[in-house]
Amino acid sequence: MPKTVQIRDLDDDVYAGLARRAAEAGLSVPELLRGEAARLAARPSVTEWLERTRRRSAPVGRAEVLAALDEHRGAWPDAGR
């Protein structure tokens, strides 16, 4: 069953920005917020995303990444100058 959410005390400039975006998309503010809420709910939290990425094994190691960066950047300038 659908739920109702009410947001109080929005600053005028925040509501104006939401109204502008909704109008640009041909939506009402509630329709815009309903879509944004669904999109937000479908995304993992930062904590969940970090946990997932930590579990992945990388095809290349740290040394290979650093070597590729060094190759791309070129030689380091002389430190003795």
C-alpha atoms as a PDB file:
ATOM      1  CA  MET A   1       0.000   0.000   0.000  1.00  0.00           C
ATOM      2  CA  PRO A   2       1.418   3.436  -0.915  1.00  0.00           C
ATOM      3  CA  LYS A   3       2.677   5.622   1.929  1.00  0.00           C
ATOM      4  CA  THR A   4       2.547   9.382   2.319  1.00  0.00           C
ATOM      5  CA  VAL A   5       5.589  11.444   3.270  1.00  0.00           C
ATOM      6  CA  GLN A   6       5.382  15.091   4.243  1.00  0.00           C
ATOM      7  CA  ILE A   7       8.415  17.373   4.292  1.00  0.00           C
ATOM      8  CA  ARG A   8       8.091  20.479   6.430  1.00  0.00           C
ATOM      9  CA  ASP A   9      10.108  23.672   6.665  1.00  0.00           C
ATOM     10  CA  LEU A  10      11.628  23.651   3.191  1.00  0.00           C
ATOM     11  CA  ASP A  11      13.391  26.902   2.405  1.00  0.00           C
ATOM     12  CA  ASP A  12      11.679  28.962  -0.286  1.00  0.00           C
ATOM     13  CA  ASP A  13      14.693  28.713  -2.590  1.00  0.00           C
ATOM     14  CA  VAL A  14      14.760  24.919  -2.232  1.00  0.00           C
ATOM     15  CA  TYR A  15      11.071  24.641  -3.145  1.00  0.00           C
ATOM     16  CA  ALA A  16      11.554  27.075  -6.034  1.00  0.00           C
ATOM     17  CA  GLY A  17      14.388  24.894  -7.356  1.00  0.00           C
ATOM     18  CA  LEU A  18      12.216  21.792  -7.087  1.00  0.00           C
ATOM     19  CA  ALA A  19       9.337  23.555  -8.829  1.00  0.00           C
ATOM     20  CA  ARG A  20      11.670  24.704 -11.633  1.00  0.00           C
ATOM     21  CA  ARG A  21      13.049  21.191 -12.154  1.00  0.00           C
ATOM     22  CA  ALA A  22       9.574  19.693 -12.077  1.00  0.00           C
ATOM     23  CA  ALA A  23       8.314  22.190 -14.652  1.00  0.00           C
ATOM     24  CA  GLU A  24      11.298  21.505 -16.911  1.00  0.00           C
ATOM     25  CA  ALA A  25      10.458  17.803 -16.772  1.00  0.00           C
ATOM     26  CA  GLY A  26       6.729  18.401 -17.292  1.00  0.00           C
ATOM     27  CA  LEU A  27       5.938  17.083 -13.810  1.00  0.00           C
ATOM     28  CA  SER A  28       4.409  18.341 -10.610  1.00  0.00           C
ATOM     29  CA  VAL A  29       6.645  18.725  -7.559  1.00  0.00           C
ATOM     30  CA  PRO A  30       5.130  15.610  -5.902  1.00  0.00           C
ATOM     31  CA  GLU A  31       5.677  13.596  -9.103  1.00  0.00           C
ATOM     32  CA  LEU A  32       9.306  14.769  -9.281  1.00  0.00           C
ATOM     33  CA  LEU A  33       9.906  13.901  -5.623  1.00  0.00           C
ATOM     34  CA  ARG A  34       8.193  10.521  -5.978  1.00  0.00           C
ATOM     35  CA  GLY A  35      10.557   9.630  -8.823  1.00  0.00           C
ATOM     36  CA  GLU A  36      13.603  10.910  -6.957  1.00  0.00           C
ATOM     37  CA  ALA A  37      12.602   8.986  -3.820  1.00  0.00           C
ATOM     38  CA  ALA A  38      12.235   5.768  -5.835  1.00  0.00           C
ATOM     39  CA  ARG A  39      15.641   6.335  -7.445  1.00  0.00           C
ATOM     40  CA  LEU A  40      17.254   7.037  -4.075  1.00  0.00           C
ATOM     41  CA  ALA A  41      15.665   3.960  -2.477  1.00  0.00           C
ATOM     42  CA  ALA A  42      16.936   1.739  -5.316  1.00  0.00           C
ATOM     43  CA  ARG A  43      20.558   2.857  -4.902  1.00  0.00           C
ATOM     44  CA  PRO A  44      22.835   1.267  -2.324  1.00  0.00           C
ATOM     45  CA  SER A  45      24.009   3.405   0.568  1.00  0.00           C
ATOM     46  CA  VAL A  46      27.629   4.548   0.530  1.00  0.00           C
ATOM     47  CA  THR A  47      28.421   1.948   3.197  1.00  0.00           C
ATOM     48  CA  GLU A  48      26.807  -0.853   1.157  1.00  0.00           C
ATOM     49  CA  TRP A  49      28.614   0.276  -2.006  1.00  0.00           C
ATOM     50  CA  LEU A  50      31.981   0.348  -0.230  1.00  0.00           C
ATOM     51  CA  GLU A  51      31.401  -3.136   1.185  1.00  0.00           C
ATOM     52  CA  ARG A  52      30.599  -4.453  -2.298  1.00  0.00           C
ATOM     53  CA  THR A  53      33.634  -2.867  -3.890  1.00  0.00           C
ATOM     54  CA  ARG A  54      35.934  -4.153  -1.162  1.00  0.00           C
ATOM     55  CA  ARG A  55      34.769  -7.713  -1.824  1.00  0.00           C
ATOM     56  CA  ARG A  56      35.693  -7.525  -5.506  1.00  0.00           C
ATOM     57  CA  SER A  57      39.046  -8.840  -6.527  1.00  0.00           C
ATOM     58  CA  ALA A  58      41.000  -6.522  -8.765  1.00  0.00           C
ATOM     59  CA  PRO A  59      42.464  -7.946 -11.995  1.00  0.00           C
ATOM     60  CA  VAL A  60      45.608  -5.862 -11.430  1.00  0.00           C
ATOM     61  CA  GLY A  61      47.524  -5.148  -8.276  1.00  0.00           C
ATOM     62  CA  ARG A  62      48.634  -1.935  -6.674  1.00  0.00           C
ATOM     63  CA  ALA A  63      52.138  -2.168  -8.137  1.00  0.00           C
ATOM     64  CA  GLU A  64      50.768  -2.455 -11.695  1.00  0.00           C
ATOM     65  CA  VAL A  65      48.504   0.570 -11.181  1.00  0.00           C
ATOM     66  CA  LEU A  66      51.371   2.676  -9.823  1.00  0.00           C
ATOM     67  CA  ALA A  67      53.656   1.600 -12.670  1.00  0.00           C
ATOM     68  CA  ALA A  68      51.012   2.543 -15.249  1.00  0.00           C
ATOM     69  CA  LEU A  69      50.535   5.944 -13.593  1.00  0.00           C
ATOM     70  CA  ASP A  70      54.291   6.554 -13.556  1.00  0.00           C
ATOM     71  CA  GLU A  71      54.481   5.620 -17.228  1.00  0.00           C
ATOM     72  CA  HIS A  72      51.603   7.953 -18.075  1.00  0.00           C
ATOM     73  CA  ARG A  73      52.976  10.873 -16.061  1.00  0.00           C
ATOM     74  CA  GLY A  74      56.545  10.519 -17.285  1.00  0.00           C
ATOM     75  CA  ALA A  75      59.737  10.957 -15.319  1.00  0.00           C
ATOM     76  CA  TRP A  76      59.660  12.796 -12.017  1.00  0.00           C
ATOM     77  CA  PRO A  77      61.454  16.143 -12.036  1.00  0.00           C
ATOM     78  CA  ASP A  78      64.904  16.222 -10.451  1.00  0.00           C
ATOM     79  CA  ALA A  79      64.631  16.604  -6.700  1.00  0.00           C
ATOM     80  CA  GLY A  80      68.157  18.035  -6.550  1.00  0.00           C
ATOM     81  CA  ARG A  81      67.270  21.385  -8.170  1.00  0.00           C
END
